[in-house]
Amino acid sequence: MIGGLPVFLCAAVAAVLLCALYHWRAAAAGWMAHPEARSSHRRPTVSGAGVAVVGAIVATLLLFWPAMPAAGLVLLSGSVLLSLSGLVDDLVSLGVRLRLLVYALAAGLTALWLCTPGTVPAAGWALACLAALWILAFSNLFNFMDGIDGLAALQALSAATMLGVIGSLRGAGDWYPALCWAISGAFAGFLLFNRPPARLFMGDAGSIPAGYLLASLLVAGWCLEDIPVYAGLILLAMFVADAGTTLAFRALRGASLVQAHREHLYQRLALRWRSHARVDVLFLAVQWLWLAPLAVGVTLVPASGPVLCGLAYLPLLVTMAKLRSMQ
């Protein structure tokens, strides 16, 4: 197996080059995200750069693994489809129904391939349906959480890095940690442009495929590589908890679940602190000092999964519920 560092560095360099090229061309074409009432940025910023990030991931993996196994090719193909459709939506708006149709198609086909119904067809199809719903839900959830500079890229980088480590510890096939290293490297390169104050936004062209890839890695790890699903759920806990509590409270008071807003905890913290960077630092502290060690614990002792997953989520959910009144 080729070491993770060359893959990470190649993806990072490719992302820097492709993002720089995209910034040049998109700025000239006027592909900008303009500030709105619900936005957290104050100046027009080039958007849609997720297509460059996904391009870096695909190029890196095809360079190192031209004979990528089918599972890896499925994930790469799904990410390309979602990135291109996201770019179109960033530029001209596809409409909610068409977007959801594309997302559901990618999630469903990916889940069917990864879960491959076996000797008990009913159980296999049930697992595939559950996996498809998870991939679809987290893809949209990740998009909701891409609202301030750097945060979504840091989640993708952190989770992918740890999933690569966990895949290696569990003896997963070479393609699995390689895909993780490529994702983490590509988002590390993108962060040079997306860190506060951001010069590039990934847009739907990046947030949807990033959520899709992370969610699919959990499914692939569980179904194909004997990686405890609880480890991945722990690594994504802050995004799941923030988006989940926000949607739940909006639903309880009858508010629209698809309308743009600034009610997520990370958005309210950024407004209160008047800083995106401070929220990013808080995220990194919780991610690496609390959640990452718990995920490693699940990896080493899989039977501890439910307990350690509860330890990851319960404090986050309680804290976020208590901070709902914070302005």
C-alpha atoms as a PDB file:
ATOM      1  CA  MET A   1       0.000   0.000   0.000  1.00  0.00           C
ATOM      2  CA  ILE A   2       1.160   3.518  -0.788  1.00  0.00           C
ATOM      3  CA  GLY A   3       1.507   5.551   2.413  1.00  0.00           C
ATOM      4  CA  GLY A   4      -1.117   8.078   3.370  1.00  0.00           C
ATOM      5  CA  LEU A   5       1.234  11.069   3.313  1.00  0.00           C
ATOM      6  CA  PRO A   6       1.934  11.013  -0.470  1.00  0.00           C
ATOM      7  CA  VAL A   7      -1.799  10.747  -1.192  1.00  0.00           C
ATOM      8  CA  PHE A   8      -2.594  13.565   1.236  1.00  0.00           C
ATOM      9  CA  LEU A   9       0.092  15.849  -0.200  1.00  0.00           C
ATOM     10  CA  CYS A  10      -0.851  15.122  -3.800  1.00  0.00           C
ATOM     11  CA  ALA A  11      -4.508  15.900  -3.115  1.00  0.00           C
ATOM     12  CA  ALA A  12      -3.605  19.056  -1.213  1.00  0.00           C
ATOM     13  CA  VAL A  13      -1.370  20.369  -4.008  1.00  0.00           C
ATOM     14  CA  ALA A  14      -3.956  19.470  -6.642  1.00  0.00           C
ATOM     15  CA  ALA A  15      -6.656  21.266  -4.665  1.00  0.00           C
ATOM     16  CA  VAL A  16      -4.537  24.405  -4.286  1.00  0.00           C
ATOM     17  CA  LEU A  17      -3.814  24.513  -8.017  1.00  0.00           C
ATOM     18  CA  LEU A  18      -7.379  23.763  -9.093  1.00  0.00           C
ATOM     19  CA  CYS A  19      -8.866  26.196  -6.562  1.00  0.00           C
ATOM     20  CA  ALA A  20      -6.502  28.949  -7.740  1.00  0.00           C
ATOM     21  CA  LEU A  21      -7.494  28.261 -11.344  1.00  0.00           C
ATOM     22  CA  TYR A  22     -11.178  28.183 -10.423  1.00  0.00           C
ATOM     23  CA  HIS A  23     -10.887  31.446  -8.478  1.00  0.00           C
ATOM     24  CA  TRP A  24      -9.316  33.168 -11.470  1.00  0.00           C
ATOM     25  CA  ARG A  25     -11.911  31.962 -13.958  1.00  0.00           C
ATOM     26  CA  ALA A  26     -14.943  32.268 -11.665  1.00  0.00           C
ATOM     27  CA  ALA A  27     -14.033  35.804 -10.547  1.00  0.00           C
ATOM     28  CA  ALA A  28     -13.727  36.850 -14.178  1.00  0.00           C
ATOM     29  CA  ALA A  29     -17.113  35.262 -14.939  1.00  0.00           C
ATOM     30  CA  GLY A  30     -18.766  36.827 -11.889  1.00  0.00           C
ATOM     31  CA  TRP A  31     -19.688  33.556 -10.176  1.00  0.00           C
ATOM     32  CA  MET A  32     -20.187  35.177  -6.796  1.00  0.00           C
ATOM     33  CA  ALA A  33     -22.219  34.521  -3.663  1.00  0.00           C
ATOM     34  CA  HIS A  34     -23.631  37.914  -2.687  1.00  0.00           C
ATOM     35  CA  PRO A  35     -24.492  38.736   0.940  1.00  0.00           C
ATOM     36  CA  GLU A  36     -28.155  38.344   1.884  1.00  0.00           C
ATOM     37  CA  ALA A  37     -30.151  38.854   5.066  1.00  0.00           C
ATOM     38  CA  ARG A  38     -29.464  35.262   6.144  1.00  0.00           C
ATOM     39  CA  SER A  39     -25.808  35.197   5.082  1.00  0.00           C
ATOM     40  CA  SER A  40     -22.852  35.161   7.451  1.00  0.00           C
ATOM     41  CA  HIS A  41     -20.490  36.897   5.000  1.00  0.00           C
ATOM     42  CA  ARG A  42     -20.408  40.617   4.222  1.00  0.00           C
ATOM     43  CA  ARG A  43     -18.809  40.829   0.807  1.00  0.00           C
ATOM     44  CA  PRO A  44     -19.308  39.073  -2.552  1.00  0.00           C
ATOM     45  CA  THR A  45     -17.220  35.894  -2.602  1.00  0.00           C
ATOM     46  CA  VAL A  46     -16.439  33.466  -5.397  1.00  0.00           C
ATOM     47  CA  SER A  47     -18.576  30.339  -4.909  1.00  0.00           C
ATOM     48  CA  GLY A  48     -18.819  26.855  -6.410  1.00  0.00           C
ATOM     49  CA  ALA A  49     -15.187  25.905  -5.755  1.00  0.00           C
ATOM     50  CA  GLY A  50     -16.248  22.505  -4.479  1.00  0.00           C
ATOM     51  CA  VAL A  51     -15.946  21.296  -8.052  1.00  0.00           C
ATOM     52  CA  ALA A  52     -12.197  21.951  -7.806  1.00  0.00           C
ATOM     53  CA  VAL A  53     -11.978  20.049  -4.508  1.00  0.00           C
ATOM     54  CA  VAL A  54     -13.800  17.031  -5.928  1.00  0.00           C
ATOM     55  CA  GLY A  55     -11.617  17.225  -9.025  1.00  0.00           C
ATOM     56  CA  ALA A  56      -8.514  17.063  -6.821  1.00  0.00           C
ATOM     57  CA  ILE A  57      -9.856  13.988  -4.986  1.00  0.00           C
ATOM     58  CA  VAL A  58     -10.689  12.151  -8.209  1.00  0.00           C
ATOM     59  CA  ALA A  59      -7.417  13.057  -9.942  1.00  0.00           C
ATOM     60  CA  THR A  60      -5.334  11.961  -6.953  1.00  0.00           C
ATOM     61  CA  LEU A  61      -7.011   8.588  -6.603  1.00  0.00           C
ATOM     62  CA  LEU A  62      -6.895   7.824 -10.307  1.00  0.00           C
ATOM     63  CA  LEU A  63      -3.194   8.693 -10.271  1.00  0.00           C
ATOM     64  CA  PHE A  64      -2.334   6.405  -7.352  1.00  0.00           C
ATOM     65  CA  TRP A  65      -4.972   3.723  -7.935  1.00  0.00           C
ATOM     66  CA  PRO A  66      -5.869   3.458 -11.644  1.00  0.00           C
ATOM     67  CA  ALA A  67      -7.380   0.046 -10.809  1.00  0.00           C
ATOM     68  CA  MET A  68      -9.609   1.397  -8.027  1.00  0.00           C
ATOM     69  CA  PRO A  69     -12.073  -1.289  -6.820  1.00  0.00           C
ATOM     70  CA  ALA A  70     -15.724  -0.933  -7.713  1.00  0.00           C
ATOM     71  CA  ALA A  71     -16.771   0.450  -4.324  1.00  0.00           C
ATOM     72  CA  GLY A  72     -14.296   3.313  -4.643  1.00  0.00           C
ATOM     73  CA  LEU A  73     -15.374   4.049  -8.214  1.00  0.00           C
ATOM     74  CA  VAL A  74     -19.011   4.195  -7.114  1.00  0.00           C
ATOM     75  CA  LEU A  75     -18.191   6.811  -4.473  1.00  0.00           C
ATOM     76  CA  LEU A  76     -16.071   8.839  -6.882  1.00  0.00           C
ATOM     77  CA  SER A  77     -18.773   8.720  -9.560  1.00  0.00           C
ATOM     78  CA  GLY A  78     -21.432   9.791  -7.075  1.00  0.00           C
ATOM     79  CA  SER A  79     -19.311  12.689  -5.845  1.00  0.00           C
ATOM     80  CA  VAL A  80     -18.692  13.903  -9.423  1.00  0.00           C
ATOM     81  CA  LEU A  81     -22.413  13.748 -10.248  1.00  0.00           C
ATOM     82  CA  LEU A  82     -23.323  15.682  -7.119  1.00  0.00           C
ATOM     83  CA  SER A  83     -20.550  18.225  -7.594  1.00  0.00           C
ATOM     84  CA  LEU A  84     -21.536  19.024 -11.178  1.00  0.00           C
ATOM     85  CA  SER A  85     -25.221  19.273 -10.318  1.00  0.00           C
ATOM     86  CA  GLY A  86     -24.281  21.432  -7.322  1.00  0.00           C
ATOM     87  CA  LEU A  87     -22.255  23.765  -9.527  1.00  0.00           C
ATOM     88  CA  VAL A  88     -25.194  24.174 -11.894  1.00  0.00           C
ATOM     89  CA  ASP A  89     -27.435  24.876  -8.908  1.00  0.00           C
ATOM     90  CA  ASP A  90     -24.942  27.413  -7.541  1.00  0.00           C
ATOM     91  CA  LEU A  91     -25.072  29.270 -10.858  1.00  0.00           C
ATOM     92  CA  VAL A  92     -28.677  28.999 -12.069  1.00  0.00           C
ATOM     93  CA  SER A  93     -30.697  27.165  -9.351  1.00  0.00           C
ATOM     94  CA  LEU A  94     -32.122  23.771 -10.255  1.00  0.00           C
ATOM     95  CA  GLY A  95     -35.104  23.947  -7.929  1.00  0.00           C
ATOM     96  CA  VAL A  96     -35.725  21.933  -4.772  1.00  0.00           C
ATOM     97  CA  ARG A  97     -37.473  18.960  -6.403  1.00  0.00           C
ATOM     98  CA  LEU A  98     -34.847  18.374  -9.085  1.00  0.00           C
ATOM     99  CA  ARG A  99     -32.024  18.726  -6.563  1.00  0.00           C
ATOM    100  CA  LEU A 100     -33.596  16.198  -4.212  1.00  0.00           C
ATOM    101  CA  LEU A 101     -34.165  13.808  -7.110  1.00  0.00           C
ATOM    102  CA  VAL A 102     -30.469  13.915  -8.044  1.00  0.00           C
ATOM    103  CA  TYR A 103     -29.393  13.546  -4.405  1.00  0.00           C
ATOM    104  CA  ALA A 104     -31.778  10.647  -3.826  1.00  0.00           C
ATOM    105  CA  LEU A 105     -30.598   8.899  -7.005  1.00  0.00           C
ATOM    106  CA  ALA A 106     -26.954   9.120  -5.934  1.00  0.00           C
ATOM    107  CA  ALA A 107     -27.724   8.022  -2.369  1.00  0.00           C
ATOM    108  CA  GLY A 108     -29.936   5.134  -3.431  1.00  0.00           C
ATOM    109  CA  LEU A 109     -27.592   3.680  -6.037  1.00  0.00           C
ATOM    110  CA  THR A 110     -24.602   4.032  -3.712  1.00  0.00           C
ATOM    111  CA  ALA A 111     -26.405   2.313  -0.838  1.00  0.00           C
ATOM    112  CA  LEU A 112     -27.575  -0.538  -3.084  1.00  0.00           C
ATOM    113  CA  TRP A 113     -24.037  -1.144  -4.297  1.00  0.00           C
ATOM    114  CA  LEU A 114     -22.373  -0.951  -0.883  1.00  0.00           C
ATOM    115  CA  CYS A 115     -24.944  -2.949   1.042  1.00  0.00           C
ATOM    116  CA  THR A 116     -25.395  -5.675  -1.629  1.00  0.00           C
ATOM    117  CA  PRO A 117     -28.334  -7.754  -0.332  1.00  0.00           C
ATOM    118  CA  GLY A 118     -27.061 -11.204   0.635  1.00  0.00           C
ATOM    119  CA  THR A 119     -28.580 -14.478   1.746  1.00  0.00           C
ATOM    120  CA  VAL A 120     -31.443 -12.782   3.601  1.00  0.00           C
ATOM    121  CA  PRO A 121     -32.959 -10.488   0.917  1.00  0.00           C
ATOM    122  CA  ALA A 122     -35.383  -8.691   3.222  1.00  0.00           C
ATOM    123  CA  ALA A 123     -32.625  -7.775   5.679  1.00  0.00           C
ATOM    124  CA  GLY A 124     -30.324  -6.728   2.835  1.00  0.00           C
ATOM    125  CA  TRP A 125     -32.903  -4.431   1.256  1.00  0.00           C
ATOM    126  CA  ALA A 126     -33.820  -2.960   4.636  1.00  0.00           C
ATOM    127  CA  LEU A 127     -30.154  -2.169   5.276  1.00  0.00           C
ATOM    128  CA  ALA A 128     -29.806  -0.577   1.826  1.00  0.00           C
ATOM    129  CA  CYS A 129     -32.875   1.607   2.407  1.00  0.00           C
ATOM    130  CA  LEU A 130     -31.575   2.708   5.810  1.00  0.00           C
ATOM    131  CA  ALA A 131     -28.161   3.483   4.309  1.00  0.00           C
ATOM    132  CA  ALA A 132     -29.732   5.467   1.454  1.00  0.00           C
ATOM    133  CA  LEU A 133     -31.733   7.575   3.901  1.00  0.00           C
ATOM    134  CA  TRP A 134     -28.599   8.212   5.967  1.00  0.00           C
ATOM    135  CA  ILE A 135     -26.546   9.281   2.938  1.00  0.00           C
ATOM    136  CA  LEU A 136     -29.336  11.540   1.658  1.00  0.00           C
ATOM    137  CA  ALA A 137     -29.963  13.082   5.071  1.00  0.00           C
ATOM    138  CA  PHE A 138     -26.316  13.740   5.911  1.00  0.00           C
ATOM    139  CA  SER A 139     -25.585  15.184   2.458  1.00  0.00           C
ATOM    140  CA  ASN A 140     -28.254  17.819   3.066  1.00  0.00           C
ATOM    141  CA  LEU A 141     -27.276  18.246   6.717  1.00  0.00           C
ATOM    142  CA  PHE A 142     -23.672  18.957   5.729  1.00  0.00           C
ATOM    143  CA  ASN A 143     -24.938  21.580   3.305  1.00  0.00           C
ATOM    144  CA  PHE A 144     -26.893  23.249   6.134  1.00  0.00           C
ATOM    145  CA  MET A 145     -23.720  23.410   8.219  1.00  0.00           C
ATOM    146  CA  ASP A 146     -21.659  25.130   5.517  1.00  0.00           C
ATOM    147  CA  GLY A 147     -22.495  28.644   6.660  1.00  0.00           C
ATOM    148  CA  ILE A 148     -19.290  30.231   7.990  1.00  0.00           C
ATOM    149  CA  ASP A 149     -15.705  30.326   6.778  1.00  0.00           C
ATOM    150  CA  GLY A 150     -13.695  27.159   7.250  1.00  0.00           C
ATOM    151  CA  LEU A 151     -16.106  25.108   9.366  1.00  0.00           C
ATOM    152  CA  ALA A 152     -17.389  22.568   6.809  1.00  0.00           C
ATOM    153  CA  ALA A 153     -13.919  22.111   5.336  1.00  0.00           C
ATOM    154  CA  LEU A 154     -12.531  21.436   8.821  1.00  0.00           C
ATOM    155  CA  GLN A 155     -15.237  18.823   9.454  1.00  0.00           C
ATOM    156  CA  ALA A 156     -14.443  17.057   6.174  1.00  0.00           C
ATOM    157  CA  LEU A 157     -10.696  17.202   6.811  1.00  0.00           C
ATOM    158  CA  SER A 158     -10.967  16.027  10.440  1.00  0.00           C
ATOM    159  CA  ALA A 159     -13.449  13.214   9.866  1.00  0.00           C
ATOM    160  CA  ALA A 160     -11.693  11.921   6.751  1.00  0.00           C
ATOM    161  CA  THR A 161      -8.303  11.964   8.485  1.00  0.00           C
ATOM    162  CA  MET A 162      -9.579   9.966  11.445  1.00  0.00           C
ATOM    163  CA  LEU A 163     -11.501   7.535   9.223  1.00  0.00           C
ATOM    164  CA  GLY A 164      -8.236   6.933   7.352  1.00  0.00           C
ATOM    165  CA  VAL A 165      -6.480   6.181  10.641  1.00  0.00           C
ATOM    166  CA  ILE A 166      -9.323   3.935  11.778  1.00  0.00           C
ATOM    167  CA  GLY A 167      -9.392   2.134   8.426  1.00  0.00           C
ATOM    168  CA  SER A 168      -5.683   1.414   8.730  1.00  0.00           C
ATOM    169  CA  LEU A 169      -6.059   0.208  12.329  1.00  0.00           C
ATOM    170  CA  ARG A 170      -8.862  -2.148  11.300  1.00  0.00           C
ATOM    171  CA  GLY A 171      -6.942  -3.516   8.312  1.00  0.00           C
ATOM    172  CA  ALA A 172      -9.338  -2.126   5.694  1.00  0.00           C
ATOM    173  CA  GLY A 173      -8.612  -2.550   2.004  1.00  0.00           C
ATOM    174  CA  ASP A 174      -6.101  -0.068   0.600  1.00  0.00           C
ATOM    175  CA  TRP A 175      -8.758   1.899  -1.306  1.00  0.00           C
ATOM    176  CA  TYR A 176     -10.586   2.920   1.883  1.00  0.00           C
ATOM    177  CA  PRO A 177      -7.840   4.824   3.731  1.00  0.00           C
ATOM    178  CA  ALA A 178      -6.601   6.119   0.366  1.00  0.00           C
ATOM    179  CA  LEU A 179      -9.967   7.751  -0.307  1.00  0.00           C
ATOM    180  CA  CYS A 180      -9.928   9.187   3.215  1.00  0.00           C
ATOM    181  CA  TRP A 181      -6.429  10.655   2.753  1.00  0.00           C
ATOM    182  CA  ALA A 182      -7.425  12.137  -0.606  1.00  0.00           C
ATOM    183  CA  ILE A 183     -10.500  13.802   0.905  1.00  0.00           C
ATOM    184  CA  SER A 184      -8.559  15.204   3.857  1.00  0.00           C
ATOM    185  CA  GLY A 185      -5.740  16.447   1.624  1.00  0.00           C
ATOM    186  CA  ALA A 186      -8.097  18.117  -0.838  1.00  0.00           C
ATOM    187  CA  PHE A 187      -9.933  19.971   1.912  1.00  0.00           C
ATOM    188  CA  ALA A 188      -6.633  20.966   3.514  1.00  0.00           C
ATOM    189  CA  GLY A 189      -5.682  22.607   0.231  1.00  0.00           C
ATOM    190  CA  PHE A 190      -9.095  24.247  -0.060  1.00  0.00           C
ATOM    191  CA  LEU A 191      -8.735  25.678   3.455  1.00  0.00           C
ATOM    192  CA  LEU A 192      -5.971  27.966   2.201  1.00  0.00           C
ATOM    193  CA  PHE A 193      -8.730  29.795   0.320  1.00  0.00           C
ATOM    194  CA  ASN A 194     -11.657  29.154   2.696  1.00  0.00           C
ATOM    195  CA  ARG A 195     -10.137  30.009   6.078  1.00  0.00           C
ATOM    196  CA  PRO A 196     -11.434  33.267   7.591  1.00  0.00           C
ATOM    197  CA  PRO A 197     -11.792  35.620   5.831  1.00  0.00           C
ATOM    198  CA  ALA A 198     -12.683  33.282   2.962  1.00  0.00           C
ATOM    199  CA  ARG A 199     -11.725  34.021  -0.633  1.00  0.00           C
ATOM    200  CA  LEU A 200     -13.584  30.952  -1.930  1.00  0.00           C
ATOM    201  CA  PHE A 201     -16.787  29.171  -0.970  1.00  0.00           C
ATOM    202  CA  MET A 202     -17.317  25.519  -1.869  1.00  0.00           C
ATOM    203  CA  GLY A 203     -21.037  26.069  -2.510  1.00  0.00           C
ATOM    204  CA  ASP A 204     -23.398  23.171  -3.195  1.00  0.00           C
ATOM    205  CA  ALA A 205     -20.717  21.919  -5.597  1.00  0.00           C
ATOM    206  CA  GLY A 206     -18.649  21.011  -2.547  1.00  0.00           C
ATOM    207  CA  SER A 207     -20.905  20.705   0.484  1.00  0.00           C
ATOM    208  CA  ILE A 208     -23.281  18.124  -1.019  1.00  0.00           C
ATOM    209  CA  PRO A 209     -20.548  15.768  -2.346  1.00  0.00           C
ATOM    210  CA  ALA A 210     -18.536  16.217   0.874  1.00  0.00           C
ATOM    211  CA  GLY A 211     -21.512  15.139   2.967  1.00  0.00           C
ATOM    212  CA  TYR A 212     -22.197  12.311   0.525  1.00  0.00           C
ATOM    213  CA  LEU A 213     -18.608  11.043   0.703  1.00  0.00           C
ATOM    214  CA  LEU A 214     -18.412  11.128   4.501  1.00  0.00           C
ATOM    215  CA  ALA A 215     -21.785   9.420   4.905  1.00  0.00           C
ATOM    216  CA  SER A 216     -20.886   6.809   2.279  1.00  0.00           C
ATOM    217  CA  LEU A 217     -17.565   6.112   3.957  1.00  0.00           C
ATOM    218  CA  LEU A 218     -19.462   5.135   7.114  1.00  0.00           C
ATOM    219  CA  VAL A 219     -21.670   2.768   5.114  1.00  0.00           C
ATOM    220  CA  ALA A 220     -18.749   1.302   3.148  1.00  0.00           C
ATOM    221  CA  GLY A 221     -16.671   0.868   6.286  1.00  0.00           C
ATOM    222  CA  TRP A 222     -19.494  -0.931   8.073  1.00  0.00           C
ATOM    223  CA  CYS A 223     -20.650  -3.120   5.182  1.00  0.00           C
ATOM    224  CA  LEU A 224     -17.341  -3.882   3.458  1.00  0.00           C
ATOM    225  CA  GLU A 225     -14.413  -3.230   5.788  1.00  0.00           C
ATOM    226  CA  ASP A 226     -15.492  -4.235   9.319  1.00  0.00           C
ATOM    227  CA  ILE A 227     -15.196  -0.677  10.630  1.00  0.00           C
ATOM    228  CA  PRO A 228     -17.555   0.085  13.561  1.00  0.00           C
ATOM    229  CA  VAL A 229     -20.226   2.515  12.371  1.00  0.00           C
ATOM    230  CA  TYR A 230     -20.244   4.141  15.811  1.00  0.00           C
ATOM    231  CA  ALA A 231     -16.734   5.477  15.223  1.00  0.00           C
ATOM    232  CA  GLY A 232     -17.867   7.421  12.173  1.00  0.00           C
ATOM    233  CA  LEU A 233     -21.024   8.667  13.895  1.00  0.00           C
ATOM    234  CA  ILE A 234     -18.876  10.025  16.717  1.00  0.00           C
ATOM    235  CA  LEU A 235     -16.601  11.875  14.298  1.00  0.00           C
ATOM    236  CA  LEU A 236     -19.623  13.602  12.740  1.00  0.00           C
ATOM    237  CA  ALA A 237     -21.324  14.289  16.071  1.00  0.00           C
ATOM    238  CA  MET A 238     -21.063  18.076  16.124  1.00  0.00           C
ATOM    239  CA  PHE A 239     -22.632  18.509  12.694  1.00  0.00           C
ATOM    240  CA  VAL A 240     -25.356  15.933  13.384  1.00  0.00           C
ATOM    241  CA  ALA A 241     -26.148  17.401  16.814  1.00  0.00           C
ATOM    242  CA  ASP A 242     -26.229  21.044  15.690  1.00  0.00           C
ATOM    243  CA  ALA A 243     -28.292  20.425  12.563  1.00  0.00           C
ATOM    244  CA  GLY A 244     -30.510  17.888  14.316  1.00  0.00           C
ATOM    245  CA  THR A 245     -31.422  20.104  17.267  1.00  0.00           C
ATOM    246  CA  THR A 246     -31.946  23.127  15.013  1.00  0.00           C
ATOM    247  CA  LEU A 247     -34.286  21.249  12.681  1.00  0.00           C
ATOM    248  CA  ALA A 248     -36.152  19.733  15.629  1.00  0.00           C
ATOM    249  CA  PHE A 249     -36.799  23.104  17.272  1.00  0.00           C
ATOM    250  CA  ARG A 250     -37.830  24.668  13.957  1.00  0.00           C
ATOM    251  CA  ALA A 251     -40.228  21.788  13.298  1.00  0.00           C
ATOM    252  CA  LEU A 252     -41.758  22.096  16.791  1.00  0.00           C
ATOM    253  CA  ARG A 253     -42.711  25.709  16.176  1.00  0.00           C
ATOM    254  CA  GLY A 254     -43.891  25.072  12.614  1.00  0.00           C
ATOM    255  CA  ALA A 255     -41.055  26.887  10.812  1.00  0.00           C
ATOM    256  CA  SER A 256     -39.925  25.842   7.335  1.00  0.00           C
ATOM    257  CA  LEU A 257     -37.175  23.219   7.341  1.00  0.00           C
ATOM    258  CA  VAL A 258     -35.800  24.257   3.936  1.00  0.00           C
ATOM    259  CA  GLN A 259     -35.875  28.059   4.241  1.00  0.00           C
ATOM    260  CA  ALA A 260     -32.497  29.742   4.766  1.00  0.00           C
ATOM    261  CA  HIS A 261     -31.881  30.931   8.336  1.00  0.00           C
ATOM    262  CA  ARG A 262     -29.162  31.646  10.895  1.00  0.00           C
ATOM    263  CA  GLU A 263     -30.418  29.561  13.804  1.00  0.00           C
ATOM    264  CA  HIS A 264     -27.699  26.901  13.935  1.00  0.00           C
ATOM    265  CA  LEU A 265     -25.551  27.176  17.036  1.00  0.00           C
ATOM    266  CA  TYR A 266     -22.389  27.730  15.017  1.00  0.00           C
ATOM    267  CA  GLN A 267     -24.034  30.689  13.230  1.00  0.00           C
ATOM    268  CA  ARG A 268     -25.267  32.241  16.464  1.00  0.00           C
ATOM    269  CA  LEU A 269     -21.830  31.831  18.046  1.00  0.00           C
ATOM    270  CA  ALA A 270     -20.193  33.494  15.039  1.00  0.00           C
ATOM    271  CA  LEU A 271     -22.603  36.439  15.365  1.00  0.00           C
ATOM    272  CA  ARG A 272     -22.166  36.692  19.138  1.00  0.00           C
ATOM    273  CA  TRP A 273     -18.367  36.479  18.987  1.00  0.00           C
ATOM    274  CA  ARG A 274     -18.132  38.428  15.712  1.00  0.00           C
ATOM    275  CA  SER A 275     -15.615  35.861  14.571  1.00  0.00           C
ATOM    276  CA  HIS A 276     -15.708  32.810  12.333  1.00  0.00           C
ATOM    277  CA  ALA A 277     -12.196  31.830  13.398  1.00  0.00           C
ATOM    278  CA  ARG A 278     -13.144  31.462  17.082  1.00  0.00           C
ATOM    279  CA  VAL A 279     -15.961  29.077  16.174  1.00  0.00           C
ATOM    280  CA  ASP A 280     -13.545  27.076  14.018  1.00  0.00           C
ATOM    281  CA  VAL A 281     -11.073  26.813  16.907  1.00  0.00           C
ATOM    282  CA  LEU A 282     -13.852  25.641  19.242  1.00  0.00           C
ATOM    283  CA  PHE A 283     -14.865  23.013  16.695  1.00  0.00           C
ATOM    284  CA  LEU A 284     -11.282  21.742  16.380  1.00  0.00           C
ATOM    285  CA  ALA A 285     -10.870  21.563  20.161  1.00  0.00           C
ATOM    286  CA  VAL A 286     -14.023  19.472  20.638  1.00  0.00           C
ATOM    287  CA  GLN A 287     -13.310  17.353  17.574  1.00  0.00           C
ATOM    288  CA  TRP A 288      -9.738  16.409  18.427  1.00  0.00           C
ATOM    289  CA  LEU A 289      -9.720  16.507  22.228  1.00  0.00           C
ATOM    290  CA  TRP A 290     -13.074  14.794  22.817  1.00  0.00           C
ATOM    291  CA  LEU A 291     -14.586  13.108  19.770  1.00  0.00           C
ATOM    292  CA  ALA A 292     -11.467  11.694  18.088  1.00  0.00           C
ATOM    293  CA  PRO A 293     -10.302   9.807  21.217  1.00  0.00           C
ATOM    294  CA  LEU A 294     -13.802   8.355  21.649  1.00  0.00           C
ATOM    295  CA  ALA A 295     -13.776   7.194  18.025  1.00  0.00           C
ATOM    296  CA  VAL A 296     -10.416   5.499  18.553  1.00  0.00           C
ATOM    297  CA  GLY A 297     -11.827   3.840  21.669  1.00  0.00           C
ATOM    298  CA  VAL A 298     -14.670   2.364  19.623  1.00  0.00           C
ATOM    299  CA  THR A 299     -12.160   1.168  17.034  1.00  0.00           C
ATOM    300  CA  LEU A 300     -10.084  -0.652  19.620  1.00  0.00           C
ATOM    301  CA  VAL A 301     -13.066  -2.001  21.580  1.00  0.00           C
ATOM    302  CA  PRO A 302     -16.034  -2.259  19.159  1.00  0.00           C
ATOM    303  CA  ALA A 303     -18.373  -3.522  21.895  1.00  0.00           C
ATOM    304  CA  SER A 304     -18.058  -0.107  23.578  1.00  0.00           C
ATOM    305  CA  GLY A 305     -19.653   1.601  20.557  1.00  0.00           C
ATOM    306  CA  PRO A 306     -23.130   2.400  21.960  1.00  0.00           C
ATOM    307  CA  VAL A 307     -21.741   3.695  25.267  1.00  0.00           C
ATOM    308  CA  LEU A 308     -19.001   5.866  23.743  1.00  0.00           C
ATOM    309  CA  CYS A 309     -21.378   7.161  21.076  1.00  0.00           C
ATOM    310  CA  GLY A 310     -23.759   8.196  23.840  1.00  0.00           C
ATOM    311  CA  LEU A 311     -20.882   9.938  25.643  1.00  0.00           C
ATOM    312  CA  ALA A 312     -20.153  11.844  22.440  1.00  0.00           C
ATOM    313  CA  TYR A 313     -23.700  12.958  21.661  1.00  0.00           C
ATOM    314  CA  LEU A 314     -25.366  13.488  25.024  1.00  0.00           C
ATOM    315  CA  PRO A 315     -23.222  16.459  26.205  1.00  0.00           C
ATOM    316  CA  LEU A 316     -23.488  18.074  22.766  1.00  0.00           C
ATOM    317  CA  LEU A 317     -27.262  17.703  22.574  1.00  0.00           C
ATOM    318  CA  VAL A 318     -27.800  18.979  26.121  1.00  0.00           C
ATOM    319  CA  THR A 319     -25.484  21.953  25.576  1.00  0.00           C
ATOM    320  CA  MET A 320     -27.071  22.873  22.250  1.00  0.00           C
ATOM    321  CA  ALA A 321     -30.584  22.593  23.672  1.00  0.00           C
ATOM    322  CA  LYS A 322     -29.663  24.861  26.589  1.00  0.00           C
ATOM    323  CA  LEU A 323     -28.117  27.452  24.246  1.00  0.00           C
ATOM    324  CA  ARG A 324     -31.203  27.722  22.010  1.00  0.00           C
ATOM    325  CA  SER A 325     -32.138  31.034  23.652  1.00  0.00           C
ATOM    326  CA  MET A 326     -28.724  32.580  23.007  1.00  0.00           C
ATOM    327  CA  GLN A 327     -28.819  35.489  20.576  1.00  0.00           C
END
